[in-house]
Amino acid sequence: MFSVESIYMKKAVVLLSGGLDSATVLAIARAEGFECYCLSFSYGQRHKCELEASKRVFTALGGKEYKIVNIDLRAFGGSALTDDIDVPKAGDNDAASESNIPVTYVPARNIIFLSYALGFAEVNKCSDIFLGVNAVDYSGYPDCRAEFINAFQTMANLGTKAGVEGKGFTIQTPIIDMSKADIIRKGVELGVDYGLTHSCYNPSLEGLSCGECDSCVLRIAGFNEAGVADPTKYF
């Protein structure tokens, strides 16, 4: 027998990387009453241990379904996360190109991820897709801006069966304008265990975080500003 809650609960796809941002977004979606279909990607990233983190976060926060999609963006390369390019330390002169886009930018990654999420959402009749992009801390990434999200949502509703039948999609980016400290405070409020998450772009073979890449430095600063103990293990 179905409960009233199971019949009327809203359904959403959540892109879950295993980092603190996506963990917080999953917690927000759950708090807003969404039944969450979580999607992670094994795309050839050097920090593949984030996938284990995403599984832990999914289990802890009570998602409905969890899938890992295998795609190999190493076939194209062009990023320090998928190619034979050193991950820069925060503040390195070569950390960004002349256009201020860091070498850790993965070409078209969020376009690809959102496209998979759109198909997953359509099959599971989910009207919402949650994504943990953040324009404040990652302003160098063009696919983390509100303009991109709005354009993708328009495309999604023009190019899908659900969209043209009036059952359109909303791309939810609840932390896009939040500081890292505010994201952490929100997660703590919602009971997120950040010890389950992983942020480092250049971890050790044992999965320890480097403490020096842009992602680690932003994470450390965020916990410090939030006044919350950082549970991350650094080498």
C-alpha atoms as a PDB file:
ATOM      1  CA  MET A   1       0.000   0.000   0.000  1.00  0.00           C
ATOM      2  CA  PHE A   2       1.338   3.449  -0.919  1.00  0.00           C
ATOM      3  CA  SER A   3       1.524   6.109   1.727  1.00  0.00           C
ATOM      4  CA  VAL A   4       0.159   9.597   1.119  1.00  0.00           C
ATOM      5  CA  GLU A   5       3.739  10.861   1.221  1.00  0.00           C
ATOM      6  CA  SER A   6       4.937   8.478  -1.516  1.00  0.00           C
ATOM      7  CA  ILE A   7       2.005   9.393  -3.787  1.00  0.00           C
ATOM      8  CA  TYR A   8       2.397  13.146  -3.548  1.00  0.00           C
ATOM      9  CA  MET A   9       6.153  13.589  -3.029  1.00  0.00           C
ATOM     10  CA  LYS A  10       7.818  15.656  -5.747  1.00  0.00           C
ATOM     11  CA  LYS A  11      10.560  13.981  -7.767  1.00  0.00           C
ATOM     12  CA  ALA A  12      13.903  15.429  -8.795  1.00  0.00           C
ATOM     13  CA  VAL A  13      17.213  14.429 -10.304  1.00  0.00           C
ATOM     14  CA  VAL A  14      20.204  15.586  -8.256  1.00  0.00           C
ATOM     15  CA  LEU A  15      23.675  15.724  -9.778  1.00  0.00           C
ATOM     16  CA  LEU A  16      25.832  14.351  -6.986  1.00  0.00           C
ATOM     17  CA  SER A  17      29.604  14.680  -7.287  1.00  0.00           C
ATOM     18  CA  GLY A  18      30.569  13.771  -3.733  1.00  0.00           C
ATOM     19  CA  GLY A  19      31.737  17.286  -2.890  1.00  0.00           C
ATOM     20  CA  LEU A  20      30.342  19.501  -0.180  1.00  0.00           C
ATOM     21  CA  ASP A  21      28.350  21.655  -2.612  1.00  0.00           C
ATOM     22  CA  SER A  22      26.373  18.791  -4.159  1.00  0.00           C
ATOM     23  CA  ALA A  23      25.904  17.161  -0.744  1.00  0.00           C
ATOM     24  CA  THR A  24      24.342  20.380   0.515  1.00  0.00           C
ATOM     25  CA  VAL A  25      22.121  20.605  -2.556  1.00  0.00           C
ATOM     26  CA  LEU A  26      20.890  17.048  -2.005  1.00  0.00           C
ATOM     27  CA  ALA A  27      20.070  17.932   1.605  1.00  0.00           C
ATOM     28  CA  ILE A  28      18.193  21.034   0.425  1.00  0.00           C
ATOM     29  CA  ALA A  29      16.200  19.025  -2.110  1.00  0.00           C
ATOM     30  CA  ARG A  30      15.278  16.430   0.503  1.00  0.00           C
ATOM     31  CA  ALA A  31      14.274  19.181   2.967  1.00  0.00           C
ATOM     32  CA  GLU A  32      12.010  20.658   0.286  1.00  0.00           C
ATOM     33  CA  GLY A  33      10.170  17.353  -0.015  1.00  0.00           C
ATOM     34  CA  PHE A  34      11.750  15.931  -3.163  1.00  0.00           C
ATOM     35  CA  GLU A  35      12.255  12.254  -3.805  1.00  0.00           C
ATOM     36  CA  CYS A  36      15.773  12.328  -5.208  1.00  0.00           C
ATOM     37  CA  TYR A  37      17.196  10.337  -8.113  1.00  0.00           C
ATOM     38  CA  CYS A  38      20.942  10.911  -7.820  1.00  0.00           C
ATOM     39  CA  LEU A  39      23.349  10.847 -10.737  1.00  0.00           C
ATOM     40  CA  SER A  40      27.153  10.699 -10.564  1.00  0.00           C
ATOM     41  CA  PHE A  41      29.701  10.454 -13.361  1.00  0.00           C
ATOM     42  CA  SER A  42      32.867   8.486 -13.831  1.00  0.00           C
ATOM     43  CA  TYR A  43      34.329  10.651 -16.564  1.00  0.00           C
ATOM     44  CA  GLY A  44      38.036   9.920 -16.318  1.00  0.00           C
ATOM     45  CA  GLN A  45      38.661  12.389 -13.522  1.00  0.00           C
ATOM     46  CA  ARG A  46      41.896  12.014 -11.581  1.00  0.00           C
ATOM     47  CA  HIS A  47      39.979  12.562  -8.322  1.00  0.00           C
ATOM     48  CA  LYS A  48      37.837   9.465  -8.868  1.00  0.00           C
ATOM     49  CA  CYS A  49      37.625   8.869  -5.116  1.00  0.00           C
ATOM     50  CA  GLU A  50      34.841  11.458  -5.192  1.00  0.00           C
ATOM     51  CA  LEU A  51      32.578   8.691  -6.483  1.00  0.00           C
ATOM     52  CA  GLU A  52      32.950   6.770  -3.238  1.00  0.00           C
ATOM     53  CA  ALA A  53      32.075   9.993  -1.446  1.00  0.00           C
ATOM     54  CA  SER A  54      28.963  10.421  -3.574  1.00  0.00           C
ATOM     55  CA  LYS A  55      27.788   6.926  -2.621  1.00  0.00           C
ATOM     56  CA  ARG A  56      28.296   7.714   1.064  1.00  0.00           C
ATOM     57  CA  VAL A  57      26.384  10.995   0.781  1.00  0.00           C
ATOM     58  CA  PHE A  58      23.514   9.357  -1.108  1.00  0.00           C
ATOM     59  CA  THR A  59      23.150   6.676   1.568  1.00  0.00           C
ATOM     60  CA  ALA A  60      23.369   9.140   4.444  1.00  0.00           C
ATOM     61  CA  LEU A  61      20.848  11.612   3.031  1.00  0.00           C
ATOM     62  CA  GLY A  62      18.316   9.066   1.843  1.00  0.00           C
ATOM     63  CA  GLY A  63      18.046   9.390  -1.913  1.00  0.00           C
ATOM     64  CA  LYS A  64      15.574   7.281  -3.890  1.00  0.00           C
ATOM     65  CA  GLU A  65      17.931   5.934  -6.579  1.00  0.00           C
ATOM     66  CA  TYR A  66      21.647   6.231  -7.333  1.00  0.00           C
ATOM     67  CA  LYS A  67      23.361   5.774 -10.685  1.00  0.00           C
ATOM     68  CA  ILE A  68      26.925   6.209 -11.909  1.00  0.00           C
ATOM     69  CA  VAL A  69      27.221   6.981 -15.614  1.00  0.00           C
ATOM     70  CA  ASN A  70      30.498   6.088 -17.330  1.00  0.00           C
ATOM     71  CA  ILE A  71      31.755   8.541 -19.922  1.00  0.00           C
ATOM     72  CA  ASP A  72      35.397   9.134 -20.813  1.00  0.00           C
ATOM     73  CA  LEU A  73      36.214  12.810 -21.199  1.00  0.00           C
ATOM     74  CA  ARG A  74      39.889  11.856 -21.335  1.00  0.00           C
ATOM     75  CA  ALA A  75      39.182  11.158 -25.004  1.00  0.00           C
ATOM     76  CA  PHE A  76      39.186  14.939 -25.470  1.00  0.00           C
ATOM     77  CA  GLY A  77      41.399  16.038 -22.559  1.00  0.00           C
ATOM     78  CA  GLY A  78      42.003  19.754 -22.286  1.00  0.00           C
ATOM     79  CA  SER A  79      41.685  19.895 -18.495  1.00  0.00           C
ATOM     80  CA  ALA A  80      43.967  19.300 -15.548  1.00  0.00           C
ATOM     81  CA  LEU A  81      41.299  16.964 -14.202  1.00  0.00           C
ATOM     82  CA  THR A  82      41.288  14.649 -17.225  1.00  0.00           C
ATOM     83  CA  ASP A  83      44.610  15.197 -18.997  1.00  0.00           C
ATOM     84  CA  ASP A  84      48.348  15.077 -18.348  1.00  0.00           C
ATOM     85  CA  ILE A  85      48.331  18.624 -16.987  1.00  0.00           C
ATOM     86  CA  ASP A  86      49.474  19.448 -13.476  1.00  0.00           C
ATOM     87  CA  VAL A  87      46.756  20.549 -11.080  1.00  0.00           C
ATOM     88  CA  PRO A  88      47.906  24.023 -10.038  1.00  0.00           C
ATOM     89  CA  LYS A  89      48.224  25.141  -6.480  1.00  0.00           C
ATOM     90  CA  ALA A  90      45.960  27.991  -5.481  1.00  0.00           C
ATOM     91  CA  GLY A  91      47.525  31.297  -6.500  1.00  0.00           C
ATOM     92  CA  ASP A  92      49.844  29.841  -9.150  1.00  0.00           C
ATOM     93  CA  ASN A  93      50.327  32.205 -12.072  1.00  0.00           C
ATOM     94  CA  ASP A  94      49.365  29.475 -14.535  1.00  0.00           C
ATOM     95  CA  ALA A  95      46.219  28.521 -12.633  1.00  0.00           C
ATOM     96  CA  ALA A  96      44.070  30.355 -15.156  1.00  0.00           C
ATOM     97  CA  SER A  97      44.270  31.307 -18.787  1.00  0.00           C
ATOM     98  CA  GLU A  98      44.189  34.842 -20.155  1.00  0.00           C
ATOM     99  CA  SER A  99      40.391  34.672 -19.971  1.00  0.00           C
ATOM    100  CA  ASN A 100      40.588  33.766 -16.246  1.00  0.00           C
ATOM    101  CA  ILE A 101      39.190  30.282 -16.822  1.00  0.00           C
ATOM    102  CA  PRO A 102      41.195  27.809 -14.689  1.00  0.00           C
ATOM    103  CA  VAL A 103      42.927  24.796 -16.245  1.00  0.00           C
ATOM    104  CA  THR A 104      40.709  22.663 -13.989  1.00  0.00           C
ATOM    105  CA  TYR A 105      37.758  23.636 -16.203  1.00  0.00           C
ATOM    106  CA  VAL A 106      36.573  20.499 -18.033  1.00  0.00           C
ATOM    107  CA  PRO A 107      35.314  21.422 -21.524  1.00  0.00           C
ATOM    108  CA  ALA A 108      31.503  21.334 -21.720  1.00  0.00           C
ATOM    109  CA  ARG A 109      31.267  19.186 -18.566  1.00  0.00           C
ATOM    110  CA  ASN A 110      28.102  20.704 -17.117  1.00  0.00           C
ATOM    111  CA  ILE A 111      26.442  20.704 -20.538  1.00  0.00           C
ATOM    112  CA  ILE A 112      27.155  16.976 -20.812  1.00  0.00           C
ATOM    113  CA  PHE A 113      26.131  16.219 -17.228  1.00  0.00           C
ATOM    114  CA  LEU A 114      22.900  18.195 -17.465  1.00  0.00           C
ATOM    115  CA  SER A 115      22.029  16.481 -20.741  1.00  0.00           C
ATOM    116  CA  TYR A 116      22.299  13.080 -19.056  1.00  0.00           C
ATOM    117  CA  ALA A 117      20.326  14.413 -16.085  1.00  0.00           C
ATOM    118  CA  LEU A 118      17.617  15.626 -18.458  1.00  0.00           C
ATOM    119  CA  GLY A 119      17.202  12.177 -19.981  1.00  0.00           C
ATOM    120  CA  PHE A 120      17.174  10.571 -16.529  1.00  0.00           C
ATOM    121  CA  ALA A 121      14.571  13.107 -15.375  1.00  0.00           C
ATOM    122  CA  GLU A 122      12.328  12.540 -18.368  1.00  0.00           C
ATOM    123  CA  VAL A 123      12.343   8.754 -17.943  1.00  0.00           C
ATOM    124  CA  ASN A 124      11.574   9.021 -14.212  1.00  0.00           C
ATOM    125  CA  LYS A 125       9.009  11.824 -14.648  1.00  0.00           C
ATOM    126  CA  CYS A 126      11.030  14.248 -12.553  1.00  0.00           C
ATOM    127  CA  SER A 127      10.165  17.900 -13.150  1.00  0.00           C
ATOM    128  CA  ASP A 128      13.202  19.327 -11.354  1.00  0.00           C
ATOM    129  CA  ILE A 129      16.965  18.935 -11.734  1.00  0.00           C
ATOM    130  CA  PHE A 130      19.195  20.094  -8.873  1.00  0.00           C
ATOM    131  CA  LEU A 131      22.766  21.178  -9.570  1.00  0.00           C
ATOM    132  CA  GLY A 132      25.414  22.409  -7.124  1.00  0.00           C
ATOM    133  CA  VAL A 133      26.972  25.144  -9.242  1.00  0.00           C
ATOM    134  CA  ASN A 134      28.298  28.163  -7.400  1.00  0.00           C
ATOM    135  CA  ALA A 135      29.054  31.422  -9.210  1.00  0.00           C
ATOM    136  CA  VAL A 136      30.592  33.087  -6.153  1.00  0.00           C
ATOM    137  CA  ASP A 137      33.495  30.711  -5.556  1.00  0.00           C
ATOM    138  CA  TYR A 138      33.802  29.371  -9.124  1.00  0.00           C
ATOM    139  CA  SER A 139      33.225  32.517 -11.180  1.00  0.00           C
ATOM    140  CA  GLY A 140      35.934  31.429 -13.625  1.00  0.00           C
ATOM    141  CA  TYR A 141      33.843  28.528 -14.895  1.00  0.00           C
ATOM    142  CA  PRO A 142      31.443  29.629 -17.663  1.00  0.00           C
ATOM    143  CA  ASP A 143      29.077  26.706 -16.997  1.00  0.00           C
ATOM    144  CA  CYS A 144      28.448  27.809 -13.400  1.00  0.00           C
ATOM    145  CA  ARG A 145      26.731  31.077 -14.312  1.00  0.00           C
ATOM    146  CA  ALA A 146      23.022  31.818 -14.050  1.00  0.00           C
ATOM    147  CA  GLU A 147      22.969  32.804 -17.737  1.00  0.00           C
ATOM    148  CA  PHE A 148      24.074  29.306 -18.718  1.00  0.00           C
ATOM    149  CA  ILE A 149      21.552  27.615 -16.400  1.00  0.00           C
ATOM    150  CA  ASN A 150      18.689  29.722 -17.750  1.00  0.00           C
ATOM    151  CA  ALA A 151      19.696  28.984 -21.345  1.00  0.00           C
ATOM    152  CA  PHE A 152      19.906  25.241 -20.666  1.00  0.00           C
ATOM    153  CA  GLN A 153      16.481  25.248 -19.026  1.00  0.00           C
ATOM    154  CA  THR A 154      15.020  26.946 -22.094  1.00  0.00           C
ATOM    155  CA  MET A 155      16.662  24.361 -24.351  1.00  0.00           C
ATOM    156  CA  ALA A 156      15.439  21.503 -22.137  1.00  0.00           C
ATOM    157  CA  ASN A 157      11.846  22.640 -22.453  1.00  0.00           C
ATOM    158  CA  LEU A 158      12.130  23.097 -26.210  1.00  0.00           C
ATOM    159  CA  GLY A 159      13.899  19.848 -27.014  1.00  0.00           C
ATOM    160  CA  THR A 160      12.135  17.167 -24.978  1.00  0.00           C
ATOM    161  CA  LYS A 161       8.809  15.364 -25.230  1.00  0.00           C
ATOM    162  CA  ALA A 162       7.962  16.388 -21.671  1.00  0.00           C
ATOM    163  CA  GLY A 163       8.751  20.007 -22.458  1.00  0.00           C
ATOM    164  CA  VAL A 164       6.596  20.292 -25.560  1.00  0.00           C
ATOM    165  CA  GLU A 165       3.734  18.508 -23.758  1.00  0.00           C
ATOM    166  CA  GLY A 166       3.776  21.193 -21.079  1.00  0.00           C
ATOM    167  CA  LYS A 167       5.415  19.061 -18.392  1.00  0.00           C
ATOM    168  CA  GLY A 168       8.542  21.159 -18.414  1.00  0.00           C
ATOM    169  CA  PHE A 169      11.710  21.118 -16.369  1.00  0.00           C
ATOM    170  CA  THR A 170      13.152  23.512 -13.806  1.00  0.00           C
ATOM    171  CA  ILE A 171      16.904  23.585 -13.215  1.00  0.00           C
ATOM    172  CA  GLN A 172      17.348  24.279  -9.503  1.00  0.00           C
ATOM    173  CA  THR A 173      20.612  25.918  -8.358  1.00  0.00           C
ATOM    174  CA  PRO A 174      19.936  26.743  -4.703  1.00  0.00           C
ATOM    175  CA  ILE A 175      23.531  27.602  -3.754  1.00  0.00           C
ATOM    176  CA  ILE A 176      24.558  29.531  -6.868  1.00  0.00           C
ATOM    177  CA  ASP A 177      24.843  32.868  -5.052  1.00  0.00           C
ATOM    178  CA  MET A 178      25.993  31.581  -1.652  1.00  0.00           C
ATOM    179  CA  SER A 179      29.488  31.863  -0.203  1.00  0.00           C
ATOM    180  CA  LYS A 180      31.278  28.656   0.727  1.00  0.00           C
ATOM    181  CA  ALA A 181      30.792  29.492   4.409  1.00  0.00           C
ATOM    182  CA  ASP A 182      27.055  29.976   3.935  1.00  0.00           C
ATOM    183  CA  ILE A 183      26.834  26.677   2.041  1.00  0.00           C
ATOM    184  CA  ILE A 184      28.520  24.905   4.935  1.00  0.00           C
ATOM    185  CA  ARG A 185      26.285  26.600   7.509  1.00  0.00           C
ATOM    186  CA  LYS A 186      23.215  25.561   5.533  1.00  0.00           C
ATOM    187  CA  GLY A 187      24.446  21.981   5.310  1.00  0.00           C
ATOM    188  CA  VAL A 188      25.157  21.821   9.020  1.00  0.00           C
ATOM    189  CA  GLU A 189      21.646  23.132   9.658  1.00  0.00           C
ATOM    190  CA  LEU A 190      20.284  20.284   7.513  1.00  0.00           C
ATOM    191  CA  GLY A 191      22.435  17.621   9.144  1.00  0.00           C
ATOM    192  CA  VAL A 192      25.021  17.059   6.394  1.00  0.00           C
ATOM    193  CA  ASP A 193      28.075  15.113   7.560  1.00  0.00           C
ATOM    194  CA  TYR A 194      30.868  16.791   5.616  1.00  0.00           C
ATOM    195  CA  GLY A 195      33.255  14.072   6.702  1.00  0.00           C
ATOM    196  CA  LEU A 196      31.586  11.945   4.006  1.00  0.00           C
ATOM    197  CA  THR A 197      32.449  14.403   1.228  1.00  0.00           C
ATOM    198  CA  HIS A 198      35.522  14.927  -0.936  1.00  0.00           C
ATOM    199  CA  SER A 199      36.625  18.150  -2.671  1.00  0.00           C
ATOM    200  CA  CYS A 200      40.300  17.778  -3.625  1.00  0.00           C
ATOM    201  CA  TYR A 201      41.327  17.857  -7.295  1.00  0.00           C
ATOM    202  CA  ASN A 202      44.678  16.190  -6.655  1.00  0.00           C
ATOM    203  CA  PRO A 203      44.294  13.592  -3.881  1.00  0.00           C
ATOM    204  CA  SER A 204      46.864  11.022  -2.837  1.00  0.00           C
ATOM    205  CA  LEU A 205      46.489   7.387  -3.846  1.00  0.00           C
ATOM    206  CA  GLU A 206      44.929   6.835  -0.411  1.00  0.00           C
ATOM    207  CA  GLY A 207      42.329   9.533  -1.097  1.00  0.00           C
ATOM    208  CA  LEU A 208      43.805  12.170   1.203  1.00  0.00           C
ATOM    209  CA  SER A 209      43.309  15.778   0.142  1.00  0.00           C
ATOM    210  CA  CYS A 210      46.271  17.903  -0.939  1.00  0.00           C
ATOM    211  CA  GLY A 211      45.227  21.091   0.873  1.00  0.00           C
ATOM    212  CA  GLU A 212      46.793  23.211  -1.881  1.00  0.00           C
ATOM    213  CA  CYS A 213      44.571  23.092  -4.984  1.00  0.00           C
ATOM    214  CA  ASP A 214      41.900  25.746  -5.529  1.00  0.00           C
ATOM    215  CA  SER A 215      39.140  23.406  -4.374  1.00  0.00           C
ATOM    216  CA  CYS A 216      40.923  22.512  -1.129  1.00  0.00           C
ATOM    217  CA  VAL A 217      41.795  26.127  -0.364  1.00  0.00           C
ATOM    218  CA  LEU A 218      38.197  27.235  -0.894  1.00  0.00           C
ATOM    219  CA  ARG A 219      36.989  24.394   1.306  1.00  0.00           C
ATOM    220  CA  ILE A 220      39.432  25.212   4.115  1.00  0.00           C
ATOM    221  CA  ALA A 221      38.556  28.922   3.977  1.00  0.00           C
ATOM    222  CA  GLY A 222      34.852  28.127   3.979  1.00  0.00           C
ATOM    223  CA  PHE A 223      35.041  26.008   7.119  1.00  0.00           C
ATOM    224  CA  ASN A 224      37.181  28.645   8.830  1.00  0.00           C
ATOM    225  CA  GLU A 225      34.754  31.435   7.964  1.00  0.00           C
ATOM    226  CA  ALA A 226      31.742  29.325   8.970  1.00  0.00           C
ATOM    227  CA  GLY A 227      33.350  28.518  12.325  1.00  0.00           C
ATOM    228  CA  VAL A 228      32.903  24.799  11.692  1.00  0.00           C
ATOM    229  CA  ALA A 229      35.624  22.184  12.147  1.00  0.00           C
ATOM    230  CA  ASP A 230      36.841  20.817   8.815  1.00  0.00           C
ATOM    231  CA  PRO A 231      36.674  16.997   8.969  1.00  0.00           C
ATOM    232  CA  THR A 232      38.866  16.580   5.870  1.00  0.00           C
ATOM    233  CA  LYS A 233      42.083  14.558   6.088  1.00  0.00           C
ATOM    234  CA  TYR A 234      44.958  16.327   4.320  1.00  0.00           C
ATOM    235  CA  PHE A 235      48.404  14.989   3.456  1.00  0.00           C
END
